[in-house]
Amino acid sequence: MFAGAQLFTSNVMVMLVGALSGRTGLRHLAVSWGLSLAGNLAGTLVFGAMVHASGVTSSGPARAMLAEMLHGKEALGGGQRRGLR
């Protein structure tokens, strides 16, 4: 959480519990989810633009590290199977 902002996933849980308990309505739920999702998307794009503009990823070692990290993420499965065997 940066600057007191909420992640979309936590906002979904909090607002859904509020709607199911009758503390808020479906209209407020939908508005909150929409604004939270839009804000998270905008923040992600701004942060990505700042990282790109800084040039921190333009060096060879940084590109190699990012490529290795992406390759490792692509190799993971979709489920959370670790520790369940």
N, C-alpha and C. Protein backbone atom coordinates (compact mmCIF):
# COMPACT_ATOMS: atom_id res chain seq x y z
N MET A 1 0.85 -1.18 0.00
CA MET A 1 0.00 0.00 0.00
C MET A 1 0.89 1.23 0.00
N PHE A 2 0.68 2.05 -0.96
CA PHE A 2 1.48 3.25 -1.13
C PHE A 2 0.59 4.48 -0.91
N ALA A 3 1.00 5.34 -0.04
CA ALA A 3 0.28 6.60 0.22
C ALA A 3 -1.15 6.37 0.72
N GLY A 4 -1.36 5.27 1.43
CA GLY A 4 -2.68 5.00 1.99
C GLY A 4 -3.70 4.48 1.00
N ALA A 5 -3.27 4.11 -0.19
CA ALA A 5 -4.20 3.61 -1.20
C ALA A 5 -4.54 2.15 -0.92
N GLN A 6 -5.69 1.72 -1.41
CA GLN A 6 -6.11 0.34 -1.23
C GLN A 6 -5.92 -0.45 -2.51
N LEU A 7 -5.51 -1.69 -2.35
CA LEU A 7 -5.45 -2.58 -3.50
C LEU A 7 -6.85 -3.02 -3.87
N PHE A 8 -7.06 -3.32 -5.14
CA PHE A 8 -8.38 -3.73 -5.61
C PHE A 8 -8.85 -5.00 -4.89
N THR A 9 -7.95 -5.95 -4.69
CA THR A 9 -8.35 -7.22 -4.08
C THR A 9 -8.88 -7.04 -2.66
N SER A 10 -8.23 -6.20 -1.86
CA SER A 10 -8.73 -5.98 -0.50
C SER A 10 -10.04 -5.19 -0.53
N ASN A 11 -10.18 -4.30 -1.47
CA ASN A 11 -11.41 -3.53 -1.61
C ASN A 11 -12.58 -4.44 -1.98
N VAL A 12 -12.33 -5.43 -2.82
CA VAL A 12 -13.38 -6.37 -3.19
C VAL A 12 -13.89 -7.09 -1.95
N MET A 13 -12.97 -7.59 -1.11
CA MET A 13 -13.38 -8.32 0.09
C MET A 13 -14.15 -7.42 1.05
N VAL A 14 -13.61 -6.25 1.34
CA VAL A 14 -14.24 -5.35 2.31
C VAL A 14 -15.63 -4.94 1.85
N MET A 15 -15.77 -4.55 0.61
CA MET A 15 -17.07 -4.10 0.11
C MET A 15 -18.06 -5.24 -0.03
N LEU A 16 -17.59 -6.43 -0.39
CA LEU A 16 -18.48 -7.58 -0.50
C LEU A 16 -19.04 -7.97 0.87
N VAL A 17 -18.20 -7.97 1.88
CA VAL A 17 -18.66 -8.27 3.24
C VAL A 17 -19.67 -7.21 3.68
N GLY A 18 -19.40 -5.95 3.36
CA GLY A 18 -20.35 -4.89 3.70
C GLY A 18 -21.68 -5.05 3.00
N ALA A 19 -21.65 -5.44 1.73
CA ALA A 19 -22.89 -5.62 0.98
C ALA A 19 -23.67 -6.83 1.48
N LEU A 20 -22.96 -7.92 1.76
CA LEU A 20 -23.64 -9.13 2.25
C LEU A 20 -24.23 -8.94 3.64
N SER A 21 -23.62 -8.09 4.44
CA SER A 21 -24.14 -7.84 5.79
C SER A 21 -25.19 -6.73 5.82
N GLY A 22 -25.44 -6.11 4.68
CA GLY A 22 -26.45 -5.07 4.60
C GLY A 22 -25.97 -3.68 5.00
N ARG A 23 -24.69 -3.52 5.20
CA ARG A 23 -24.17 -2.20 5.61
C ARG A 23 -24.00 -1.24 4.43
N THR A 24 -23.97 -1.78 3.22
CA THR A 24 -23.87 -0.95 2.02
C THR A 24 -24.69 -1.60 0.92
N GLY A 25 -24.99 -0.84 -0.11
CA GLY A 25 -25.81 -1.36 -1.19
C GLY A 25 -24.98 -1.81 -2.39
N LEU A 26 -25.65 -2.45 -3.32
CA LEU A 26 -24.98 -2.94 -4.52
C LEU A 26 -24.44 -1.79 -5.38
N ARG A 27 -25.14 -0.66 -5.37
CA ARG A 27 -24.66 0.50 -6.15
C ARG A 27 -23.33 0.99 -5.60
N HIS A 28 -23.23 1.13 -4.28
CA HIS A 28 -21.97 1.56 -3.68
C HIS A 28 -20.87 0.53 -3.90
N LEU A 29 -21.23 -0.73 -3.86
CA LEU A 29 -20.27 -1.80 -4.12
C LEU A 29 -19.69 -1.66 -5.52
N ALA A 30 -20.56 -1.51 -6.52
CA ALA A 30 -20.11 -1.42 -7.91
C ALA A 30 -19.27 -0.16 -8.14
N VAL A 31 -19.70 0.96 -7.58
CA VAL A 31 -18.94 2.21 -7.74
C VAL A 31 -17.56 2.09 -7.10
N SER A 32 -17.53 1.53 -5.90
CA SER A 32 -16.25 1.37 -5.20
C SER A 32 -15.31 0.45 -5.97
N TRP A 33 -15.85 -0.67 -6.46
CA TRP A 33 -15.01 -1.59 -7.24
C TRP A 33 -14.50 -0.93 -8.51
N GLY A 34 -15.37 -0.21 -9.21
CA GLY A 34 -14.97 0.45 -10.45
C GLY A 34 -13.89 1.50 -10.24
N LEU A 35 -14.09 2.34 -9.22
CA LEU A 35 -13.10 3.39 -8.94
C LEU A 35 -11.78 2.78 -8.45
N SER A 36 -11.87 1.75 -7.64
CA SER A 36 -10.66 1.10 -7.13
C SER A 36 -9.87 0.45 -8.27
N LEU A 37 -10.59 -0.24 -9.15
CA LEU A 37 -9.92 -0.89 -10.28
C LEU A 37 -9.30 0.14 -11.21
N ALA A 38 -10.03 1.21 -11.50
CA ALA A 38 -9.49 2.27 -12.37
C ALA A 38 -8.28 2.95 -11.73
N GLY A 39 -8.35 3.20 -10.44
CA GLY A 39 -7.23 3.82 -9.74
C GLY A 39 -6.00 2.94 -9.71
N ASN A 40 -6.22 1.64 -9.49
CA ASN A 40 -5.09 0.70 -9.49
C ASN A 40 -4.47 0.60 -10.88
N LEU A 41 -5.29 0.59 -11.92
CA LEU A 41 -4.77 0.54 -13.29
C LEU A 41 -3.97 1.80 -13.60
N ALA A 42 -4.51 2.96 -13.25
CA ALA A 42 -3.81 4.22 -13.50
C ALA A 42 -2.49 4.27 -12.74
N GLY A 43 -2.50 3.85 -11.49
CA GLY A 43 -1.27 3.83 -10.69
C GLY A 43 -0.23 2.91 -11.27
N THR A 44 -0.66 1.76 -11.75
CA THR A 44 0.26 0.81 -12.37
C THR A 44 0.90 1.39 -13.62
N LEU A 45 0.09 2.04 -14.45
CA LEU A 45 0.62 2.62 -15.68
C LEU A 45 1.58 3.78 -15.39
N VAL A 46 1.25 4.61 -14.41
CA VAL A 46 2.13 5.73 -14.04
C VAL A 46 3.44 5.19 -13.47
N PHE A 47 3.36 4.20 -12.59
CA PHE A 47 4.57 3.64 -12.01
C PHE A 47 5.44 2.99 -13.09
N GLY A 48 4.82 2.25 -14.01
CA GLY A 48 5.57 1.64 -15.11
C GLY A 48 6.24 2.69 -15.99
N ALA A 49 5.55 3.79 -16.24
CA ALA A 49 6.12 4.87 -17.05
C ALA A 49 7.31 5.52 -16.33
N MET A 50 7.19 5.67 -15.01
CA MET A 50 8.30 6.26 -14.24
C MET A 50 9.52 5.35 -14.25
N VAL A 51 9.31 4.05 -14.09
CA VAL A 51 10.43 3.11 -14.12
C VAL A 51 11.08 3.14 -15.50
N HIS A 52 10.28 3.14 -16.55
CA HIS A 52 10.81 3.18 -17.91
C HIS A 52 11.59 4.48 -18.16
N ALA A 53 11.02 5.59 -17.71
CA ALA A 53 11.68 6.90 -17.93
C ALA A 53 12.97 7.02 -17.14
N SER A 54 13.08 6.31 -16.02
CA SER A 54 14.30 6.40 -15.21
C SER A 54 15.49 5.74 -15.88
N GLY A 55 15.22 4.80 -16.79
CA GLY A 55 16.31 4.11 -17.48
C GLY A 55 16.93 2.98 -16.67
N VAL A 56 16.34 2.65 -15.53
CA VAL A 56 16.91 1.63 -14.65
C VAL A 56 16.92 0.26 -15.32
N THR A 57 16.05 0.02 -16.25
CA THR A 57 16.00 -1.29 -16.91
C THR A 57 16.73 -1.32 -18.24
N SER A 58 17.47 -0.28 -18.57
CA SER A 58 18.12 -0.23 -19.88
C SER A 58 19.50 -0.88 -19.89
N SER A 59 20.08 -1.20 -18.74
CA SER A 59 21.41 -1.82 -18.72
C SER A 59 21.30 -3.32 -19.00
N GLY A 60 22.37 -3.90 -19.47
CA GLY A 60 22.40 -5.32 -19.79
C GLY A 60 22.09 -6.22 -18.61
N PRO A 61 22.75 -6.03 -17.45
CA PRO A 61 22.45 -6.87 -16.30
C PRO A 61 21.00 -6.75 -15.82
N ALA A 62 20.42 -5.56 -15.89
CA ALA A 62 19.03 -5.39 -15.47
C ALA A 62 18.09 -6.12 -16.41
N ARG A 63 18.37 -6.04 -17.70
CA ARG A 63 17.54 -6.76 -18.68
C ARG A 63 17.66 -8.27 -18.49
N ALA A 64 18.87 -8.76 -18.20
CA ALA A 64 19.07 -10.19 -17.97
C ALA A 64 18.31 -10.64 -16.72
N MET A 65 18.34 -9.83 -15.66
CA MET A 65 17.63 -10.17 -14.43
C MET A 65 16.12 -10.23 -14.68
N LEU A 66 15.59 -9.24 -15.40
CA LEU A 66 14.17 -9.22 -15.70
C LEU A 66 13.76 -10.41 -16.57
N ALA A 67 14.59 -10.75 -17.56
CA ALA A 67 14.29 -11.89 -18.42
C ALA A 67 14.28 -13.18 -17.64
N GLU A 68 15.24 -13.35 -16.73
CA GLU A 68 15.29 -14.56 -15.90
C GLU A 68 14.07 -14.63 -14.97
N MET A 69 13.69 -13.51 -14.41
CA MET A 69 12.54 -13.46 -13.52
C MET A 69 11.25 -13.80 -14.28
N LEU A 70 11.09 -13.24 -15.47
CA LEU A 70 9.91 -13.54 -16.27
C LEU A 70 9.87 -15.00 -16.69
N HIS A 71 11.02 -15.54 -17.05
CA HIS A 71 11.08 -16.95 -17.43
C HIS A 71 10.66 -17.84 -16.25
N GLY A 72 11.12 -17.50 -15.05
CA GLY A 72 10.74 -18.26 -13.86
C GLY A 72 9.26 -18.16 -13.57
N LYS A 73 8.68 -16.98 -13.75
CA LYS A 73 7.24 -16.79 -13.52
C LYS A 73 6.42 -17.57 -14.54
N GLU A 74 6.87 -17.59 -15.79
CA GLU A 74 6.15 -18.33 -16.83
C GLU A 74 6.16 -19.82 -16.57
N ALA A 75 7.19 -20.32 -15.92
CA ALA A 75 7.31 -21.75 -15.67
C ALA A 75 6.41 -22.22 -14.53
N LEU A 76 5.91 -21.30 -13.71
CA LEU A 76 5.05 -21.68 -12.59
C LEU A 76 3.68 -22.09 -13.08
N GLY A 77 3.07 -22.99 -12.36
CA GLY A 77 1.70 -23.40 -12.67
C GLY A 77 0.71 -22.38 -12.14
N GLY A 78 -0.54 -22.53 -12.51
CA GLY A 78 -1.56 -21.59 -12.08
C GLY A 78 -2.06 -21.83 -10.68
N GLY A 79 -1.95 -23.06 -10.18
CA GLY A 79 -2.46 -23.37 -8.85
C GLY A 79 -1.42 -23.16 -7.78
N GLN A 80 -1.86 -23.24 -6.56
CA GLN A 80 -0.97 -23.11 -5.43
C GLN A 80 -0.75 -24.51 -4.86
N ARG A 81 0.11 -25.26 -5.51
CA ARG A 81 0.31 -26.65 -5.14
C ARG A 81 1.47 -26.87 -4.17
N ARG A 82 2.25 -25.87 -3.91
CA ARG A 82 3.40 -26.06 -3.03
C ARG A 82 2.96 -26.37 -1.62
N GLY A 83 3.56 -27.37 -1.02
CA GLY A 83 3.27 -27.73 0.37
C GLY A 83 2.06 -28.62 0.53
N LEU A 84 1.36 -28.94 -0.57
CA LEU A 84 0.18 -29.79 -0.46
C LEU A 84 0.47 -31.24 -0.80
N ARG A 85 1.67 -31.56 -1.15
CA ARG A 85 1.99 -32.93 -1.57
C ARG A 85 2.16 -33.84 -0.41
